[in-house]
N, C-alpha and C. Protein backbone atom coordinates (compact mmCIF):
# COMPACT_ATOMS: atom_id res chain seq x y z
N MET A 1 -163.63 43.29 125.27
CA MET A 1 -163.08 43.57 124.05
C MET A 1 -162.35 42.47 123.41
N ASN A 2 -162.70 42.20 122.34
CA ASN A 2 -162.02 40.95 121.61
C ASN A 2 -160.72 41.45 121.06
N LYS A 3 -159.58 41.14 121.62
CA LYS A 3 -158.28 41.61 121.36
C LYS A 3 -157.82 41.23 119.80
N SER A 4 -158.29 40.21 119.30
CA SER A 4 -158.11 39.48 117.93
C SER A 4 -158.61 40.53 116.84
N ASN A 5 -159.53 41.34 117.13
CA ASN A 5 -160.03 42.41 116.34
C ASN A 5 -159.44 43.83 116.61
N SER A 6 -158.78 44.03 117.56
CA SER A 6 -158.36 45.37 117.91
C SER A 6 -157.56 46.02 116.92
N ASN A 7 -156.75 45.30 116.05
CA ASN A 7 -155.82 45.76 115.29
C ASN A 7 -156.49 45.93 113.81
N ASN A 8 -157.69 45.48 113.74
CA ASN A 8 -158.43 45.26 112.23
C ASN A 8 -158.68 46.69 111.88
N SER A 9 -158.91 47.77 112.59
CA SER A 9 -159.34 48.99 112.27
C SER A 9 -157.96 49.96 112.19
N ILE A 10 -157.92 50.58 110.96
CA ILE A 10 -156.35 51.42 110.94
C ILE A 10 -156.50 52.54 112.07
N THR A 11 -157.68 52.97 112.47
CA THR A 11 -157.88 53.96 113.40
C THR A 11 -157.47 53.63 114.99
N ASP A 12 -157.80 52.27 115.07
CA ASP A 12 -157.63 51.72 116.35
C ASP A 12 -155.96 51.31 116.90
N GLN A 13 -155.18 51.48 115.70
CA GLN A 13 -153.83 50.98 116.05
C GLN A 13 -152.99 51.96 116.45
N MET A 14 -152.04 51.59 117.20
CA MET A 14 -151.10 52.43 117.85
C MET A 14 -150.36 53.29 116.84
N VAL A 15 -150.14 54.48 117.22
CA VAL A 15 -149.41 55.49 116.27
C VAL A 15 -147.86 55.83 116.93
N ILE A 16 -147.10 55.60 116.07
CA ILE A 16 -145.52 56.02 116.34
C ILE A 16 -145.17 57.13 115.54
N GLY A 17 -144.56 58.21 116.13
CA GLY A 17 -143.96 59.23 115.53
C GLY A 17 -142.53 58.94 115.34
N VAL A 18 -141.95 59.34 114.20
CA VAL A 18 -140.59 59.01 113.73
C VAL A 18 -140.13 60.46 113.40
N THR A 19 -139.05 60.94 113.79
CA THR A 19 -138.43 62.12 113.32
C THR A 19 -137.37 61.79 112.39
N MET A 20 -137.25 62.51 111.43
CA MET A 20 -136.30 62.28 110.32
C MET A 20 -134.94 62.61 110.54
N GLY A 21 -134.63 63.69 111.61
CA GLY A 21 -133.46 64.40 111.79
C GLY A 21 -132.77 65.24 110.75
N ASP A 22 -131.68 65.03 110.56
CA ASP A 22 -130.76 65.79 109.73
C ASP A 22 -131.12 65.30 108.18
N ALA A 23 -131.76 66.18 107.56
CA ALA A 23 -132.29 66.08 106.10
C ALA A 23 -131.10 65.38 105.21
N ALA A 24 -129.96 65.89 105.70
CA ALA A 24 -128.69 65.38 104.74
C ALA A 24 -127.77 64.34 105.17
N GLY A 25 -128.39 63.79 106.41
CA GLY A 25 -127.71 62.50 107.04
C GLY A 25 -128.38 61.26 106.51
N ILE A 26 -128.22 60.35 107.31
CA ILE A 26 -128.66 58.91 106.81
C ILE A 26 -130.19 58.64 107.39
N GLY A 27 -130.94 59.70 108.22
CA GLY A 27 -132.20 59.44 108.43
C GLY A 27 -133.12 59.25 107.34
N PRO A 28 -133.24 59.94 106.32
CA PRO A 28 -134.26 59.47 105.31
C PRO A 28 -134.28 58.11 104.69
N GLU A 29 -132.88 57.68 104.50
CA GLU A 29 -132.73 56.50 104.02
C GLU A 29 -133.07 55.33 104.86
N VAL A 30 -132.77 55.31 106.26
CA VAL A 30 -133.00 54.39 107.35
C VAL A 30 -134.43 54.32 107.43
N ILE A 31 -135.19 55.36 107.35
CA ILE A 31 -136.68 55.45 107.56
C ILE A 31 -137.42 54.73 106.50
N VAL A 32 -136.81 55.18 105.19
CA VAL A 32 -137.40 54.48 103.96
C VAL A 32 -137.32 52.78 103.98
N LYS A 33 -135.92 52.47 104.21
CA LYS A 33 -135.66 51.09 104.19
C LYS A 33 -136.61 50.34 105.29
N ALA A 34 -136.50 51.01 106.54
CA ALA A 34 -137.20 50.29 107.76
C ALA A 34 -138.68 50.14 107.44
N LEU A 35 -139.50 51.22 107.13
CA LEU A 35 -140.72 51.26 106.88
C LEU A 35 -141.34 50.72 105.57
N ALA A 36 -140.22 50.35 104.51
CA ALA A 36 -140.56 49.40 103.50
C ALA A 36 -140.95 48.09 103.78
N ASP A 37 -140.55 47.50 104.89
CA ASP A 37 -140.96 46.15 105.28
C ASP A 37 -142.47 45.97 105.78
N PRO A 38 -143.39 45.34 105.02
CA PRO A 38 -144.65 45.36 105.33
C PRO A 38 -144.90 44.86 106.72
N ASN A 39 -144.07 43.76 107.33
CA ASN A 39 -144.28 43.56 108.66
C ASN A 39 -144.19 44.53 109.81
N ILE A 40 -143.18 45.50 109.42
CA ILE A 40 -143.20 46.71 110.22
C ILE A 40 -144.35 47.63 110.21
N ARG A 41 -144.85 47.75 108.98
CA ARG A 41 -146.04 48.71 108.79
C ARG A 41 -147.30 48.12 109.32
N ARG A 42 -147.43 46.63 109.33
CA ARG A 42 -148.56 45.98 109.98
C ARG A 42 -148.73 46.32 111.45
N ALA A 43 -147.48 46.50 112.15
CA ALA A 43 -147.48 46.72 113.48
C ALA A 43 -148.23 47.94 114.00
N ALA A 44 -148.29 49.05 113.26
CA ALA A 44 -148.73 50.23 113.78
C ALA A 44 -148.77 51.25 112.72
N LYS A 45 -149.45 52.32 112.95
CA LYS A 45 -149.55 53.37 112.08
C LYS A 45 -148.22 54.28 112.44
N PHE A 46 -147.64 54.98 111.42
CA PHE A 46 -146.49 55.74 111.63
C PHE A 46 -146.65 57.36 110.91
N ILE A 47 -146.17 58.15 111.77
CA ILE A 47 -146.13 59.45 111.14
C ILE A 47 -144.71 59.90 111.29
N VAL A 48 -144.16 60.29 110.11
CA VAL A 48 -142.65 60.62 110.09
C VAL A 48 -142.63 62.23 109.89
N PHE A 49 -142.13 62.89 110.79
CA PHE A 49 -141.97 64.29 110.87
C PHE A 49 -140.78 64.56 110.03
N GLY A 50 -140.80 65.21 109.07
CA GLY A 50 -139.56 65.52 108.33
C GLY A 50 -139.86 66.19 106.82
N MET A 51 -139.01 65.85 105.78
CA MET A 51 -139.20 66.64 104.65
C MET A 51 -139.55 65.35 103.53
N ASN A 52 -140.69 65.39 102.90
CA ASN A 52 -141.08 64.38 102.01
C ASN A 52 -140.16 64.23 100.79
N GLU A 53 -139.76 65.55 100.34
CA GLU A 53 -138.74 65.62 99.16
C GLU A 53 -137.58 64.84 99.46
N GLN A 54 -136.93 64.88 100.73
CA GLN A 54 -135.88 64.01 100.97
C GLN A 54 -136.02 62.52 101.06
N LEU A 55 -137.30 62.01 101.62
CA LEU A 55 -137.73 60.73 101.80
C LEU A 55 -137.83 60.17 100.27
N CYS A 56 -138.41 60.91 99.34
CA CYS A 56 -138.49 60.49 98.12
C CYS A 56 -137.14 60.28 97.27
N TYR A 57 -136.28 61.28 97.50
CA TYR A 57 -135.01 61.21 96.94
C TYR A 57 -134.35 59.86 97.43
N ALA A 58 -134.46 59.62 98.87
CA ALA A 58 -133.88 58.37 99.45
C ALA A 58 -134.48 57.11 98.93
N ALA A 59 -135.73 57.16 98.74
CA ALA A 59 -136.48 55.95 97.97
C ALA A 59 -136.02 55.72 96.68
N ASP A 60 -135.91 56.75 96.02
CA ASP A 60 -135.53 56.62 94.47
C ASP A 60 -134.12 56.09 94.38
N LYS A 61 -133.24 56.55 95.31
CA LYS A 61 -131.91 56.21 95.38
C LYS A 61 -131.65 54.58 95.67
N VAL A 62 -132.56 54.01 96.50
CA VAL A 62 -132.40 52.52 96.69
C VAL A 62 -133.78 51.81 95.90
N GLU A 63 -134.16 52.43 95.01
CA GLU A 63 -135.16 51.85 94.23
C GLU A 63 -136.48 51.26 94.89
N ILE A 64 -136.94 52.06 95.94
CA ILE A 64 -138.05 51.64 96.61
C ILE A 64 -139.19 52.75 96.19
N GLU A 65 -140.48 52.13 95.65
CA GLU A 65 -141.54 53.03 95.28
C GLU A 65 -142.06 53.63 96.62
N PRO A 66 -142.34 54.89 96.65
CA PRO A 66 -142.78 55.53 97.94
C PRO A 66 -144.12 54.74 98.27
N PHE A 67 -144.40 54.60 99.53
CA PHE A 67 -145.53 53.87 100.02
C PHE A 67 -146.35 54.65 101.02
N TRP A 68 -145.94 55.84 101.09
CA TRP A 68 -146.63 56.74 102.25
C TRP A 68 -147.44 57.89 101.61
N GLY A 69 -148.43 58.27 102.57
CA GLY A 69 -149.16 59.50 102.27
C GLY A 69 -148.43 60.86 102.60
N ARG A 70 -148.77 61.93 102.24
CA ARG A 70 -148.02 63.24 102.52
C ARG A 70 -149.20 64.33 103.16
N HIS A 71 -148.83 64.81 104.01
CA HIS A 71 -149.75 65.97 104.45
C HIS A 71 -148.74 66.88 105.16
N GLN A 72 -149.24 68.32 105.08
CA GLN A 72 -148.48 69.53 105.61
C GLN A 72 -148.51 69.21 107.26
N HIS A 73 -147.43 69.43 107.81
CA HIS A 73 -147.01 69.20 109.18
C HIS A 73 -148.15 69.94 110.14
N GLU A 74 -148.70 71.19 109.64
CA GLU A 74 -149.49 71.90 110.38
C GLU A 74 -150.94 71.24 110.47
N LYS A 75 -151.21 70.34 109.75
CA LYS A 75 -152.54 69.55 109.38
C LYS A 75 -152.75 68.29 109.83
N ILE A 76 -151.60 67.67 110.27
CA ILE A 76 -151.45 66.24 110.58
C ILE A 76 -152.40 65.77 111.73
N SER A 77 -152.84 64.88 111.60
CA SER A 77 -153.85 64.05 112.66
C SER A 77 -153.53 62.56 112.65
N ARG A 78 -153.65 61.85 113.78
CA ARG A 78 -153.54 60.44 113.88
C ARG A 78 -154.75 59.85 113.09
N ASP A 79 -155.70 60.53 112.56
CA ASP A 79 -156.72 59.87 111.64
C ASP A 79 -156.48 59.65 110.10
N TYR A 80 -155.24 60.06 109.77
CA TYR A 80 -154.96 60.21 108.48
C TYR A 80 -155.11 58.79 107.86
N PRO A 81 -155.64 58.53 106.60
CA PRO A 81 -155.98 57.18 106.12
C PRO A 81 -154.78 56.29 105.73
N HIS A 82 -153.57 56.68 105.75
CA HIS A 82 -152.45 55.84 105.41
C HIS A 82 -151.80 55.25 106.58
N LYS A 83 -151.15 54.22 106.46
CA LYS A 83 -150.26 53.38 107.53
C LYS A 83 -149.13 54.22 107.81
N VAL A 84 -148.67 54.89 106.75
CA VAL A 84 -147.35 55.72 107.03
C VAL A 84 -147.68 57.10 106.18
N VAL A 85 -147.55 58.07 107.00
CA VAL A 85 -147.74 59.48 106.41
C VAL A 85 -146.61 60.28 106.85
N VAL A 86 -146.16 61.31 106.06
CA VAL A 86 -145.04 62.13 106.28
C VAL A 86 -145.68 63.49 106.52
N ALA A 87 -145.37 64.01 107.84
CA ALA A 87 -145.78 65.16 108.24
C ALA A 87 -144.74 66.16 107.76
N ASP A 88 -145.13 66.73 106.34
CA ASP A 88 -144.22 67.39 105.57
C ASP A 88 -143.81 68.83 106.04
N TYR A 89 -142.49 69.15 106.22
CA TYR A 89 -142.13 70.47 106.61
C TYR A 89 -141.65 71.00 105.23
N ASP A 90 -142.52 71.25 104.30
CA ASP A 90 -142.08 71.69 103.07
C ASP A 90 -141.74 73.04 102.62
N GLU A 91 -141.78 73.91 104.05
CA GLU A 91 -141.21 75.25 103.85
C GLU A 91 -139.65 75.03 103.81
N TYR A 92 -139.09 74.10 103.99
CA TYR A 92 -137.67 73.99 103.96
C TYR A 92 -137.30 73.26 102.86
N SER A 93 -136.03 73.52 102.17
CA SER A 93 -135.43 72.87 101.12
C SER A 93 -134.19 72.55 101.21
N VAL A 94 -133.76 71.24 101.28
CA VAL A 94 -132.43 70.81 101.29
C VAL A 94 -131.92 70.01 100.08
N PRO A 95 -131.21 70.67 99.21
CA PRO A 95 -130.79 70.14 97.90
C PRO A 95 -130.33 68.75 98.02
N PRO A 96 -130.79 67.54 97.34
CA PRO A 96 -130.29 66.30 97.55
C PRO A 96 -129.00 65.96 97.53
N TRP A 97 -127.98 66.77 96.79
CA TRP A 97 -126.60 66.49 96.89
C TRP A 97 -125.90 67.00 97.97
N ILE A 98 -126.56 67.77 98.99
CA ILE A 98 -125.83 68.05 100.14
C ILE A 98 -125.65 66.98 100.89
N ARG A 99 -124.56 66.64 101.51
CA ARG A 99 -124.34 65.47 102.29
C ARG A 99 -123.50 66.07 103.40
N GLY A 100 -123.81 65.71 104.78
CA GLY A 100 -122.95 65.93 105.76
C GLY A 100 -123.42 67.21 106.46
N PRO A 101 -122.85 67.71 107.50
CA PRO A 101 -123.22 68.89 108.29
C PRO A 101 -123.37 70.04 107.44
N SER A 102 -124.41 70.92 107.46
CA SER A 102 -124.56 72.21 106.84
C SER A 102 -125.62 73.04 107.65
N LYS A 103 -125.50 74.29 107.41
CA LYS A 103 -126.45 75.19 108.05
C LYS A 103 -127.93 74.93 107.86
N VAL A 104 -128.13 74.81 106.48
CA VAL A 104 -129.54 74.56 105.91
C VAL A 104 -129.97 73.15 106.37
N ALA A 105 -129.22 72.17 106.40
CA ALA A 105 -129.78 70.94 107.03
C ALA A 105 -129.91 70.89 108.34
N GLY A 106 -129.12 71.61 109.17
CA GLY A 106 -129.20 71.77 110.48
C GLY A 106 -130.45 72.50 110.98
N GLU A 107 -130.93 73.39 110.18
CA GLU A 107 -131.96 74.24 110.50
C GLU A 107 -133.31 73.26 110.33
N THR A 108 -133.34 72.24 109.30
CA THR A 108 -134.38 71.47 109.08
C THR A 108 -134.60 70.16 110.00
N SER A 109 -133.37 70.10 110.90
CA SER A 109 -133.42 68.85 111.77
C SER A 109 -134.71 69.08 112.66
N ILE A 110 -135.33 67.95 113.05
CA ILE A 110 -136.62 68.01 113.94
C ILE A 110 -136.22 67.15 114.94
C-alpha cells in the first residue's frame, strides 16, 4: 500500500469522535475553535456528539462560520461526506443564555 495516498480519500481517514459535554459549559466553544483550524481538520474526520444548536451559537459568538455537516445522531455513520459532522441530539434544547450547571444542561451531557 502506498502510504502517501492513504489519506487522499475521505473515507480512508481516521475517524475521531468528540463529545461536546455540558451544552452550557465551555465544550461547544472549545470544539468550534479547535476544529476551525484547517490543519487539524486535515488530520482526520471528526464526529462531534452533541447539539448542533449550541455549536452554531458558539460559532456565532466567536465569529466563525460553521464548517461542519449535521446529521441526526441515530443515523450517523463514518461514511458521512463531511470532514466534520455533528451527530445532533436535537431532541434536547438548552437555551444559549444558560451558563453553568443546570438540570437541563446536565441531561444533555454526553
